[in-house]
Amino acid sequence: MGGMDTSTARELRKAPTDAERALWKHLRLRQFNGYKFRRQQPIGHYIVDFACLEQRLVIELDGGQHAQQVEYDSERTKFLEAQGFRVLRFWNNQVLREVDAVKAAILEALISSG
């Protein structure tokens, strides 16, 4: 898979999944304990779902996956970790059904990285 340009990021921003929309409601506008998150943030040649740059934390949401996607995600995670980011992954249905548990895990990661 090749890199994405800014117009692709813009397209992704226009069409978030239900889970992204649900989580973004909690992360936007520094609502989440004052931490600033960005949506569809380019890092290197990847675009991550959410990133808190000051804490070097990336949050990725996943739907169902086939083997090719898992391999791609693994490469992407290795790249991000090499850049000093921690990567948290959640399934879309976790966000939709257990948003409080997801928020607790994100907060834990933010506190332990700060």
N, C-alpha and C. Protein backbone atom coordinates (compact mmCIF):
# COMPACT_ATOMS: atom_id res chain seq x y z
N MET A 1 0.84 -1.20 0.00
CA MET A 1 0.00 0.00 0.00
C MET A 1 0.87 1.24 0.00
N GLY A 2 0.55 2.17 -0.84
CA GLY A 2 1.36 3.38 -0.92
C GLY A 2 0.95 4.39 0.14
N GLY A 3 1.65 5.52 0.18
CA GLY A 3 1.32 6.55 1.15
C GLY A 3 0.04 7.27 0.75
N MET A 4 -0.49 8.04 1.67
CA MET A 4 -1.71 8.78 1.39
C MET A 4 -1.38 10.26 1.34
N ASP A 5 -2.10 10.97 0.48
CA ASP A 5 -1.86 12.41 0.44
C ASP A 5 -2.91 13.13 1.28
N THR A 6 -2.80 14.45 1.33
CA THR A 6 -3.70 15.19 2.22
C THR A 6 -5.15 15.13 1.75
N SER A 7 -5.37 14.98 0.44
CA SER A 7 -6.77 14.88 -0.01
C SER A 7 -7.38 13.58 0.50
N THR A 8 -6.59 12.51 0.63
CA THR A 8 -7.10 11.26 1.18
C THR A 8 -7.46 11.46 2.65
N ALA A 9 -6.61 12.15 3.39
CA ALA A 9 -6.89 12.43 4.80
C ALA A 9 -8.19 13.22 4.90
N ARG A 10 -8.36 14.16 3.98
CA ARG A 10 -9.58 14.98 3.98
C ARG A 10 -10.81 14.10 3.72
N GLU A 11 -10.69 13.17 2.77
CA GLU A 11 -11.80 12.26 2.48
C GLU A 11 -12.14 11.42 3.71
N LEU A 12 -11.10 10.90 4.39
CA LEU A 12 -11.31 10.08 5.57
C LEU A 12 -11.99 10.89 6.66
N ARG A 13 -11.59 12.15 6.79
CA ARG A 13 -12.21 13.02 7.81
C ARG A 13 -13.69 13.21 7.53
N LYS A 14 -14.04 13.24 6.23
CA LYS A 14 -15.43 13.46 5.87
C LYS A 14 -16.29 12.23 6.11
N ALA A 15 -15.68 11.05 6.17
CA ALA A 15 -16.46 9.82 6.27
C ALA A 15 -16.01 8.95 7.44
N PRO A 16 -16.13 9.47 8.67
CA PRO A 16 -15.70 8.64 9.81
C PRO A 16 -16.68 7.50 10.04
N THR A 17 -16.21 6.41 10.61
CA THR A 17 -17.10 5.32 10.99
C THR A 17 -17.91 5.76 12.21
N ASP A 18 -18.96 5.01 12.52
CA ASP A 18 -19.76 5.32 13.71
C ASP A 18 -18.89 5.30 14.97
N ALA A 19 -17.98 4.33 15.03
CA ALA A 19 -17.12 4.21 16.21
C ALA A 19 -16.19 5.42 16.32
N GLU A 20 -15.62 5.85 15.18
CA GLU A 20 -14.75 7.03 15.21
C GLU A 20 -15.52 8.25 15.67
N ARG A 21 -16.72 8.39 15.14
CA ARG A 21 -17.56 9.54 15.51
C ARG A 21 -17.87 9.50 17.00
N ALA A 22 -18.18 8.31 17.51
CA ALA A 22 -18.52 8.15 18.93
C ALA A 22 -17.33 8.49 19.82
N LEU A 23 -16.14 8.01 19.46
CA LEU A 23 -14.96 8.27 20.30
C LEU A 23 -14.53 9.73 20.19
N TRP A 24 -14.62 10.29 18.99
CA TRP A 24 -14.20 11.67 18.77
C TRP A 24 -15.01 12.63 19.64
N LYS A 25 -16.27 12.30 19.89
CA LYS A 25 -17.11 13.12 20.78
C LYS A 25 -16.46 13.29 22.14
N HIS A 26 -15.75 12.26 22.59
CA HIS A 26 -15.10 12.30 23.91
C HIS A 26 -13.71 12.92 23.88
N LEU A 27 -13.05 12.87 22.71
CA LEU A 27 -11.65 13.31 22.63
C LEU A 27 -11.49 14.75 22.15
N ARG A 28 -12.46 15.26 21.42
CA ARG A 28 -12.29 16.55 20.75
C ARG A 28 -12.25 17.72 21.73
N LEU A 29 -11.73 18.83 21.25
CA LEU A 29 -11.74 20.10 21.99
C LEU A 29 -11.15 20.00 23.40
N ARG A 30 -10.11 19.20 23.53
CA ARG A 30 -9.44 19.03 24.84
C ARG A 30 -10.39 18.60 25.95
N GLN A 31 -11.50 17.96 25.59
CA GLN A 31 -12.46 17.52 26.61
C GLN A 31 -11.91 16.40 27.45
N PHE A 32 -10.95 15.67 26.89
CA PHE A 32 -10.47 14.47 27.56
C PHE A 32 -9.32 14.83 28.49
N ASN A 33 -9.63 15.22 29.71
CA ASN A 33 -8.65 15.62 30.72
C ASN A 33 -7.67 16.68 30.22
N GLY A 34 -8.11 17.51 29.27
CA GLY A 34 -7.25 18.59 28.78
C GLY A 34 -6.24 18.17 27.73
N TYR A 35 -6.21 16.89 27.36
CA TYR A 35 -5.26 16.44 26.34
C TYR A 35 -5.79 16.79 24.96
N LYS A 36 -4.89 17.24 24.10
CA LYS A 36 -5.30 17.61 22.74
C LYS A 36 -5.13 16.41 21.81
N PHE A 37 -6.22 15.99 21.21
CA PHE A 37 -6.19 14.93 20.21
C PHE A 37 -6.47 15.49 18.83
N ARG A 38 -5.86 14.87 17.84
CA ARG A 38 -6.16 15.21 16.45
C ARG A 38 -6.74 13.98 15.79
N ARG A 39 -7.61 14.22 14.82
CA ARG A 39 -8.24 13.13 14.09
C ARG A 39 -7.61 12.98 12.72
N GLN A 40 -7.47 11.74 12.23
CA GLN A 40 -6.88 11.47 10.91
C GLN A 40 -5.56 12.23 10.76
N GLN A 41 -4.67 11.99 11.69
CA GLN A 41 -3.40 12.70 11.77
C GLN A 41 -2.33 11.97 10.94
N PRO A 42 -1.72 12.66 9.95
CA PRO A 42 -0.61 12.02 9.22
C PRO A 42 0.62 11.92 10.10
N ILE A 43 1.22 10.74 10.14
CA ILE A 43 2.50 10.52 10.83
C ILE A 43 3.33 9.69 9.86
N GLY A 44 4.41 10.28 9.37
CA GLY A 44 5.16 9.60 8.32
C GLY A 44 4.23 9.45 7.12
N HIS A 45 4.22 8.27 6.51
CA HIS A 45 3.32 8.08 5.36
C HIS A 45 2.04 7.35 5.75
N TYR A 46 1.76 7.33 7.05
CA TYR A 46 0.51 6.73 7.53
C TYR A 46 -0.42 7.83 8.02
N ILE A 47 -1.70 7.51 8.07
CA ILE A 47 -2.67 8.42 8.68
C ILE A 47 -3.34 7.64 9.79
N VAL A 48 -3.18 8.12 11.02
CA VAL A 48 -3.73 7.40 12.17
C VAL A 48 -5.10 7.97 12.52
N ASP A 49 -5.93 7.15 13.17
CA ASP A 49 -7.29 7.58 13.50
C ASP A 49 -7.27 8.77 14.46
N PHE A 50 -6.55 8.62 15.57
CA PHE A 50 -6.45 9.69 16.56
C PHE A 50 -5.03 9.74 17.10
N ALA A 51 -4.54 10.94 17.39
CA ALA A 51 -3.21 11.06 17.98
C ALA A 51 -3.19 12.19 18.99
N CYS A 52 -2.53 11.92 20.13
CA CYS A 52 -2.22 12.97 21.09
C CYS A 52 -0.71 13.17 20.94
N LEU A 53 -0.33 14.20 20.18
CA LEU A 53 1.08 14.37 19.84
C LEU A 53 1.93 14.68 21.06
N GLU A 54 1.39 15.48 22.01
CA GLU A 54 2.24 15.85 23.16
C GLU A 54 2.56 14.63 24.03
N GLN A 55 1.66 13.64 24.08
CA GLN A 55 1.94 12.41 24.85
C GLN A 55 2.42 11.26 23.97
N ARG A 56 2.56 11.53 22.66
CA ARG A 56 3.03 10.51 21.70
C ARG A 56 2.20 9.23 21.80
N LEU A 57 0.87 9.43 21.79
CA LEU A 57 -0.05 8.31 21.86
C LEU A 57 -0.94 8.29 20.62
N VAL A 58 -1.04 7.12 20.01
CA VAL A 58 -1.88 6.93 18.84
C VAL A 58 -3.00 5.96 19.22
N ILE A 59 -4.21 6.26 18.76
CA ILE A 59 -5.34 5.37 18.98
C ILE A 59 -5.87 4.95 17.62
N GLU A 60 -5.96 3.66 17.41
CA GLU A 60 -6.45 3.12 16.15
C GLU A 60 -7.71 2.30 16.42
N LEU A 61 -8.71 2.47 15.57
CA LEU A 61 -9.94 1.69 15.68
C LEU A 61 -9.98 0.70 14.53
N ASP A 62 -10.35 -0.52 14.83
CA ASP A 62 -10.37 -1.58 13.82
C ASP A 62 -11.75 -2.17 13.69
N GLY A 63 -12.12 -2.45 12.45
CA GLY A 63 -13.33 -3.24 12.18
C GLY A 63 -12.89 -4.69 12.08
N GLY A 64 -13.64 -5.49 11.39
CA GLY A 64 -13.22 -6.87 11.13
C GLY A 64 -12.03 -6.84 10.19
N GLN A 65 -11.16 -7.83 10.27
CA GLN A 65 -9.95 -7.75 9.45
C GLN A 65 -9.59 -9.05 8.77
N HIS A 66 -8.98 -8.89 7.60
CA HIS A 66 -8.42 -10.06 6.94
C HIS A 66 -6.91 -10.02 7.10
N ALA A 67 -6.25 -11.10 6.77
CA ALA A 67 -4.81 -11.27 7.05
C ALA A 67 -3.96 -10.13 6.49
N GLN A 68 -4.27 -9.66 5.29
CA GLN A 68 -3.48 -8.60 4.67
C GLN A 68 -3.51 -7.33 5.53
N GLN A 69 -4.69 -7.01 6.07
CA GLN A 69 -4.83 -5.82 6.91
C GLN A 69 -4.05 -5.97 8.21
N VAL A 70 -4.08 -7.16 8.79
CA VAL A 70 -3.36 -7.41 10.04
C VAL A 70 -1.87 -7.19 9.82
N GLU A 71 -1.35 -7.68 8.69
CA GLU A 71 0.07 -7.51 8.37
C GLU A 71 0.41 -6.03 8.18
N TYR A 72 -0.46 -5.31 7.47
CA TYR A 72 -0.27 -3.87 7.25
C TYR A 72 -0.27 -3.14 8.59
N ASP A 73 -1.23 -3.46 9.46
CA ASP A 73 -1.32 -2.82 10.77
C ASP A 73 -0.08 -3.08 11.61
N SER A 74 0.45 -4.28 11.49
CA SER A 74 1.64 -4.65 12.25
C SER A 74 2.84 -3.81 11.79
N GLU A 75 3.00 -3.64 10.48
CA GLU A 75 4.07 -2.79 9.93
C GLU A 75 3.90 -1.35 10.42
N ARG A 76 2.68 -0.88 10.36
CA ARG A 76 2.35 0.47 10.74
C ARG A 76 2.66 0.70 12.22
N THR A 77 2.29 -0.27 13.07
CA THR A 77 2.56 -0.17 14.50
C THR A 77 4.06 -0.12 14.75
N LYS A 78 4.83 -0.98 14.06
CA LYS A 78 6.29 -0.97 14.21
C LYS A 78 6.87 0.39 13.84
N PHE A 79 6.39 0.97 12.74
CA PHE A 79 6.86 2.28 12.30
C PHE A 79 6.56 3.34 13.37
N LEU A 80 5.31 3.35 13.85
CA LEU A 80 4.90 4.36 14.83
C LEU A 80 5.69 4.23 16.12
N GLU A 81 5.90 2.98 16.56
CA GLU A 81 6.69 2.77 17.79
C GLU A 81 8.13 3.22 17.59
N ALA A 82 8.66 3.02 16.39
CA ALA A 82 10.02 3.48 16.10
C ALA A 82 10.11 5.01 16.15
N GLN A 83 8.97 5.69 15.92
CA GLN A 83 8.92 7.16 16.01
C GLN A 83 8.65 7.63 17.44
N GLY A 84 8.56 6.69 18.37
CA GLY A 84 8.36 7.05 19.77
C GLY A 84 6.90 7.11 20.20
N PHE A 85 5.99 6.59 19.38
CA PHE A 85 4.57 6.58 19.75
C PHE A 85 4.18 5.27 20.39
N ARG A 86 3.24 5.35 21.32
CA ARG A 86 2.57 4.14 21.82
C ARG A 86 1.29 4.01 21.03
N VAL A 87 0.93 2.79 20.67
CA VAL A 87 -0.26 2.56 19.85
C VAL A 87 -1.28 1.75 20.65
N LEU A 88 -2.47 2.31 20.80
CA LEU A 88 -3.59 1.58 21.41
C LEU A 88 -4.56 1.22 20.30
N ARG A 89 -5.00 -0.02 20.29
CA ARG A 89 -5.98 -0.46 19.29
C ARG A 89 -7.25 -0.93 19.98
N PHE A 90 -8.35 -0.52 19.42
CA PHE A 90 -9.65 -0.96 19.92
C PHE A 90 -10.49 -1.43 18.74
N TRP A 91 -11.34 -2.41 18.99
CA TRP A 91 -12.31 -2.82 17.98
C TRP A 91 -13.42 -1.79 17.95
N ASN A 92 -13.99 -1.56 16.78
CA ASN A 92 -15.11 -0.62 16.67
C ASN A 92 -16.22 -0.95 17.67
N ASN A 93 -16.55 -2.25 17.81
CA ASN A 93 -17.67 -2.58 18.69
C ASN A 93 -17.34 -2.36 20.16
N GLN A 94 -16.04 -2.37 20.53
CA GLN A 94 -15.67 -2.02 21.91
C GLN A 94 -16.04 -0.56 22.18
N VAL A 95 -15.71 0.31 21.21
CA VAL A 95 -16.01 1.74 21.37
C VAL A 95 -17.52 1.95 21.48
N LEU A 96 -18.26 1.25 20.63
CA LEU A 96 -19.70 1.46 20.60
C LEU A 96 -20.41 0.87 21.82
N ARG A 97 -19.87 -0.23 22.36
CA ARG A 97 -20.56 -0.90 23.47
C ARG A 97 -19.96 -0.60 24.84
N GLU A 98 -18.65 -0.29 24.88
CA GLU A 98 -17.97 -0.15 26.17
C GLU A 98 -17.10 1.10 26.20
N VAL A 99 -17.70 2.23 25.83
CA VAL A 99 -16.90 3.45 25.68
C VAL A 99 -16.21 3.85 26.99
N ASP A 100 -16.82 3.58 28.13
CA ASP A 100 -16.18 3.95 29.40
C ASP A 100 -14.90 3.16 29.63
N ALA A 101 -14.93 1.87 29.28
CA ALA A 101 -13.72 1.04 29.43
C ALA A 101 -12.62 1.50 28.46
N VAL A 102 -13.02 1.87 27.26
CA VAL A 102 -12.08 2.37 26.27
C VAL A 102 -11.45 3.69 26.77
N LYS A 103 -12.29 4.59 27.27
CA LYS A 103 -11.79 5.87 27.80
C LYS A 103 -10.85 5.64 28.98
N ALA A 104 -11.17 4.68 29.83
CA ALA A 104 -10.30 4.37 30.98
C ALA A 104 -8.93 3.88 30.51
N ALA A 105 -8.92 3.04 29.48
CA ALA A 105 -7.65 2.52 28.95
C ALA A 105 -6.82 3.64 28.32
N ILE A 106 -7.49 4.56 27.63
CA ILE A 106 -6.78 5.70 27.01
C ILE A 106 -6.19 6.59 28.10
N LEU A 107 -6.99 6.87 29.13
CA LEU A 107 -6.52 7.73 30.21
C LEU A 107 -5.32 7.11 30.92
N GLU A 108 -5.40 5.81 31.16
CA GLU A 108 -4.30 5.07 31.79
C GLU A 108 -3.01 5.23 30.96
N ALA A 109 -3.15 5.10 29.64
CA ALA A 109 -1.99 5.22 28.75
C ALA A 109 -1.43 6.64 28.78
N LEU A 110 -2.32 7.64 28.80
CA LEU A 110 -1.88 9.04 28.83
C LEU A 110 -1.13 9.34 30.13
N ILE A 111 -1.68 8.89 31.24
CA ILE A 111 -1.07 9.17 32.54
C ILE A 111 0.27 8.46 32.66
N SER A 112 0.33 7.20 32.21
CA SER A 112 1.59 6.46 32.36
C SER A 112 2.67 6.95 31.38
N SER A 113 2.26 7.65 30.29
CA SER A 113 3.27 8.14 29.36
C SER A 113 3.72 9.54 29.74
N GLY A 114 2.94 10.22 30.60
CA GLY A 114 3.28 11.59 30.97
C GLY A 114 4.04 11.53 32.21
